[in-house]
Amino acid sequence: MLQPDKNFLIKLAHTKMPYGKYKDRYLIDLPEYYIVWYHTKGFPKGALGMMLQTVYELKLNGLEELVRTIKLKYPLP
């Protein structure tokens, strides 16, 4: 089983949506319907797409609080 990358999760916890209707909202705080829309449409390429796909999986499994806890425990410098 793959272990989650701690640094990836810390970065995910602190990343905000860079564009669109939900610009500047933390990815984990994006509405579920918006993440599902991306899942249906296709996630963007690169790091943002990987993060949005991870958010989709976290929300699907009810694990959003995990990322919110990481954001509090590991603030960015």
Foldseek 3Di string as FASTA:
>chain_A
DDDDDLVLLLVLLPDADCDDPRHPHRLLPPDLVVLVVCVVVDADDDSRSVSSVVSNVCVVVVNSVVSVVSCVVDPDD
